[in-house]
Protein backbone atom coordinates (compact mmCIF):
# COMPACT_ATOMS: atom_id res chain seq x y z
CA VAL A 1 -186.01 -22.08 13.88
CA ARG A 2 -189.61 -21.11 13.26
CA ALA A 3 -190.86 -17.93 14.87
CA GLY A 4 -192.44 -18.94 18.16
CA GLY A 5 -191.98 -22.63 17.43
CA LYS A 6 -189.64 -25.52 17.97
CA PRO A 7 -186.55 -25.92 15.79
CA LEU A 8 -187.08 -28.00 12.65
CA PRO A 9 -184.71 -30.86 11.94
CA ILE A 10 -182.98 -30.32 8.59
CA GLU A 11 -180.69 -32.93 7.06
CA PHE A 12 -178.32 -32.32 4.16
CA GLN A 13 -177.09 -35.14 1.94
CA MET A 14 -173.72 -34.22 0.46
CA ARG A 15 -171.18 -35.63 -1.98
CA ASN A 16 -167.60 -34.74 -2.65
CA ASP A 17 -166.83 -34.37 -6.36
CA GLY A 18 -163.10 -34.38 -5.70
CA LYS A 19 -162.90 -30.60 -5.60
CA SER A 20 -165.56 -29.60 -3.10
CA TRP A 21 -168.62 -30.80 -1.24
CA LYS A 22 -172.01 -30.44 -2.97
CA VAL A 23 -175.46 -30.64 -1.39
CA TYR A 24 -177.67 -32.95 -3.48
CA ASP A 25 -180.66 -33.36 -1.16
CA ILE A 26 -182.30 -31.59 1.75
CA ALA A 27 -184.82 -33.22 4.08
CA VAL A 28 -186.97 -31.13 6.41
CA GLU A 29 -188.72 -33.10 9.14
CA GLY A 30 -187.84 -36.27 7.22
CA ILE A 31 -189.32 -35.10 3.89
CA SER A 32 -186.75 -35.32 1.10
CA LEU A 33 -186.73 -32.69 -1.63
CA VAL A 34 -185.31 -35.21 -4.12
CA LEU A 35 -187.99 -37.81 -3.37
CA THR A 36 -190.73 -35.17 -3.54
CA TYR A 37 -189.58 -33.97 -6.96
CA ARG A 38 -189.15 -37.54 -8.18
CA SER A 39 -192.77 -38.28 -7.26
CA GLU A 40 -194.02 -35.10 -8.96
CA PHE A 41 -191.96 -35.77 -12.09
CA ASP A 42 -193.21 -39.36 -12.27
CA ALA A 43 -196.84 -38.20 -12.23
CA VAL A 44 -196.20 -35.70 -15.06
CA VAL A 45 -194.33 -38.29 -17.15
CA LYS A 46 -197.21 -40.77 -16.74
CA GLN A 47 -199.77 -38.15 -17.88
CA GLU A 48 -197.81 -36.13 -20.44
CA GLY A 49 -194.70 -38.14 -21.26
CA ILE A 50 -191.10 -37.02 -20.95
CA ASP A 51 -191.68 -34.20 -23.44
CA GLY A 52 -194.42 -32.83 -21.19
CA LEU A 53 -192.05 -32.87 -18.20
CA ILE A 54 -189.33 -31.11 -20.17
CA LYS A 55 -191.83 -28.47 -21.34
CA ARG A 56 -193.00 -27.84 -17.76
CA LEU A 57 -189.44 -27.57 -16.45
CA LYS A 58 -188.55 -25.09 -19.20
CA GLN A 59 -191.61 -23.00 -18.32
CA LYS A 60 -190.78 -22.99 -14.62
CA ASN A 61 -187.19 -22.01 -15.30
CA SER A 62 -187.90 -19.35 -17.91
CA PRO A 63 -186.38 -15.89 -17.22
CA ALA A 64 -189.88 -14.39 -16.95
CA LYS A 65 -190.73 -16.77 -14.08
CA LEU A 66 -187.38 -16.32 -12.31
CA GLY A 67 -187.33 -12.53 -12.36
């Protein structure tokens, strides 16, 4: 629920791996996180190739960025 606003619809897509349920996608107001990332990744791959995408992901996930 947003402060002072209407509740937002949130959908979770889940899969069971045989041991437990795992969330693999979240959609807020119909916007899928997986589809959003897929679109962003596609644009980077077209401009910089797969190596460029891997480099960007490593930078975003570096300990300096996470801490």
